[in-house]
Amino acid sequence: MVVAEAVRTEAGDRVVVAEHSENCRLGGIGQYLSQEICRMIGAETRVTVLGHIQRGGMPSHSDRLIATAFGVAAVELIAKEKYDHVVTWQKRHVVCVPIEEAISQYSTVNPDGTLATTARRMGIFLGS
């Protein structure tokens, strides 16, 4: 489930993380929905805040444009009830591909390649 920070509860209430004088910081709706899903169906749920795991520096105009195009394409897939597809970037175009096709070819990361070596040298643990 993906939800915007400004989404309100069923009662129309805003969910805020903290309030400071006239300003409030939104962002608790994910945790609220997680608790509601758990209460309703008894399944364990976890919340991931994209901003907490995506720390690659300031996005460029291209990053923002591609992210927006991905978002639009993903919503269009939902509207068409095509839940078995994934949004990809191919040859400078957004392409919607069946998930089965997207995962049909097994790809591995070369543990001695440039990216893995760079990550290790930066102190990033890649597993054993």
Protein backbone atom coordinates (compact mmCIF):
# COMPACT_ATOMS: atom_id res chain seq x y z
CA MET A 1 0.00 0.00 0.00
CA VAL A 2 1.27 3.46 -0.84
CA VAL A 3 -0.19 6.47 0.93
CA ALA A 4 0.55 10.20 0.85
CA GLU A 5 1.37 11.90 4.15
CA ALA A 6 -1.60 14.28 3.86
CA VAL A 7 -4.24 11.49 3.65
CA ARG A 8 -6.81 11.79 6.44
CA THR A 9 -8.52 9.14 8.53
CA GLU A 10 -12.08 7.97 7.83
CA ALA A 11 -13.31 10.66 10.20
CA GLY A 12 -11.43 13.33 8.25
CA ASP A 13 -8.75 13.85 10.88
CA ARG A 14 -5.17 14.65 9.96
CA VAL A 15 -2.53 12.35 11.43
CA VAL A 16 0.44 14.35 12.63
CA VAL A 17 3.81 13.21 13.92
CA ALA A 18 4.53 16.43 15.83
CA GLU A 19 3.05 19.87 16.16
CA HIS A 20 5.18 22.97 16.61
CA SER A 21 3.24 26.19 17.20
CA GLU A 22 1.32 26.91 13.98
CA ASN A 23 3.19 24.32 11.93
CA CYS A 24 2.54 20.58 12.06
CA ARG A 25 4.47 17.73 10.52
CA LEU A 26 2.30 15.18 8.75
CA GLY A 27 3.43 11.60 8.30
CA GLY A 28 1.63 9.33 10.73
CA ILE A 29 -1.04 8.02 8.36
CA GLY A 30 1.10 4.99 7.42
CA GLN A 31 1.36 3.87 11.03
CA TYR A 32 -2.35 4.55 11.55
CA LEU A 33 -3.30 2.40 8.54
CA SER A 34 -0.89 -0.31 9.61
CA GLN A 35 -2.58 -0.54 12.99
CA GLU A 36 -6.04 -0.57 11.38
CA ILE A 37 -5.10 -3.37 8.97
CA CYS A 38 -3.64 -5.40 11.83
CA ARG A 39 -6.78 -4.84 13.91
CA MET A 40 -9.13 -5.76 11.04
CA ILE A 41 -7.44 -8.87 9.67
CA GLY A 42 -4.96 -9.85 12.36
CA ALA A 43 -1.99 -9.77 9.99
CA GLU A 44 1.35 -8.31 10.96
CA THR A 45 2.06 -5.12 9.04
CA ARG A 46 5.14 -2.95 8.77
CA VAL A 47 5.54 0.65 7.75
CA THR A 48 8.40 1.87 5.60
CA VAL A 49 8.90 5.58 5.08
CA LEU A 50 10.61 5.98 1.73
CA GLY A 51 12.45 9.09 2.84
CA HIS A 52 14.09 7.12 5.64
CA ILE A 53 15.66 4.56 3.33
CA GLN A 54 16.31 6.70 0.27
CA ARG A 55 19.30 8.78 1.18
CA GLY A 56 21.14 9.30 -2.09
CA GLY A 57 21.39 13.07 -2.09
CA MET A 58 19.19 15.68 -3.69
CA PRO A 59 17.15 14.35 -6.63
CA SER A 60 17.88 15.83 -10.03
CA HIS A 61 15.20 17.08 -12.41
CA SER A 62 15.50 13.76 -14.26
CA ASP A 63 14.97 11.81 -11.02
CA ARG A 64 11.81 13.78 -10.30
CA LEU A 65 10.51 13.45 -13.85
CA ILE A 66 11.05 9.67 -14.00
CA ALA A 67 9.54 9.22 -10.51
CA THR A 68 6.46 11.18 -11.57
CA ALA A 69 6.14 9.16 -14.79
CA PHE A 70 6.43 5.93 -12.75
CA GLY A 71 3.74 7.13 -10.35
CA VAL A 72 1.35 8.03 -13.16
CA ALA A 73 1.94 4.69 -14.88
CA ALA A 74 1.43 2.78 -11.62
CA VAL A 75 -1.88 4.52 -10.95
CA GLU A 76 -2.99 3.80 -14.52
CA LEU A 77 -2.20 0.11 -13.96
CA ILE A 78 -4.35 0.13 -10.83
CA ALA A 79 -7.20 1.84 -12.70
CA LYS A 80 -7.00 -0.91 -15.35
CA GLU A 81 -6.87 -3.54 -12.57
CA LYS A 82 -3.54 -4.82 -13.93
CA TYR A 83 -2.11 -5.85 -10.57
CA ASP A 84 0.30 -8.38 -12.06
CA HIS A 85 2.48 -5.75 -13.76
CA VAL A 86 5.48 -3.65 -12.78
CA VAL A 87 6.56 -0.23 -14.07
CA THR A 88 10.01 -0.17 -15.67
CA TRP A 89 12.27 2.25 -17.54
CA GLN A 90 13.36 0.97 -20.95
CA LYS A 91 15.04 2.96 -23.71
CA ARG A 92 13.99 6.30 -22.18
CA HIS A 93 10.34 5.25 -21.89
CA VAL A 94 8.09 4.02 -19.09
CA VAL A 95 7.03 0.47 -19.89
CA CYS A 96 4.55 -1.69 -17.98
CA VAL A 97 5.69 -5.30 -17.92
CA PRO A 98 4.07 -8.42 -16.45
CA ILE A 99 5.88 -9.29 -13.21
CA GLU A 100 6.48 -12.84 -14.46
CA GLU A 101 8.37 -11.42 -17.45
CA ALA A 102 10.33 -8.99 -15.29
CA ILE A 103 11.63 -11.75 -13.02
CA SER A 104 12.01 -14.47 -15.64
CA GLN A 105 15.73 -13.89 -16.08
CA TYR A 106 17.92 -14.42 -13.04
CA SER A 107 20.40 -11.58 -12.47
CA THR A 108 23.21 -11.68 -9.97
CA VAL A 109 25.51 -9.02 -8.59
CA ASN A 110 29.19 -9.62 -9.20
CA PRO A 111 30.64 -9.54 -5.66
CA ASP A 112 33.97 -8.39 -7.11
CA GLY A 113 32.42 -5.79 -9.42
CA THR A 114 32.84 -2.03 -9.12
CA LEU A 115 29.53 -1.33 -7.36
CA ALA A 116 29.88 -4.08 -4.76
CA THR A 117 33.51 -3.19 -4.09
CA THR A 118 32.63 0.51 -3.74
CA ALA A 119 29.77 -0.30 -1.35
CA ARG A 120 32.03 -2.43 0.86
CA ARG A 121 34.71 0.27 0.92
CA MET A 122 32.06 2.75 2.07
CA GLY A 123 31.19 0.42 4.95
CA ILE A 124 27.96 -0.94 3.48
CA PHE A 125 27.36 -4.55 4.51
CA LEU A 126 26.17 -6.67 1.57
CA GLY A 127 25.73 -9.94 3.44
CA SER A 128 27.90 -12.98 3.31
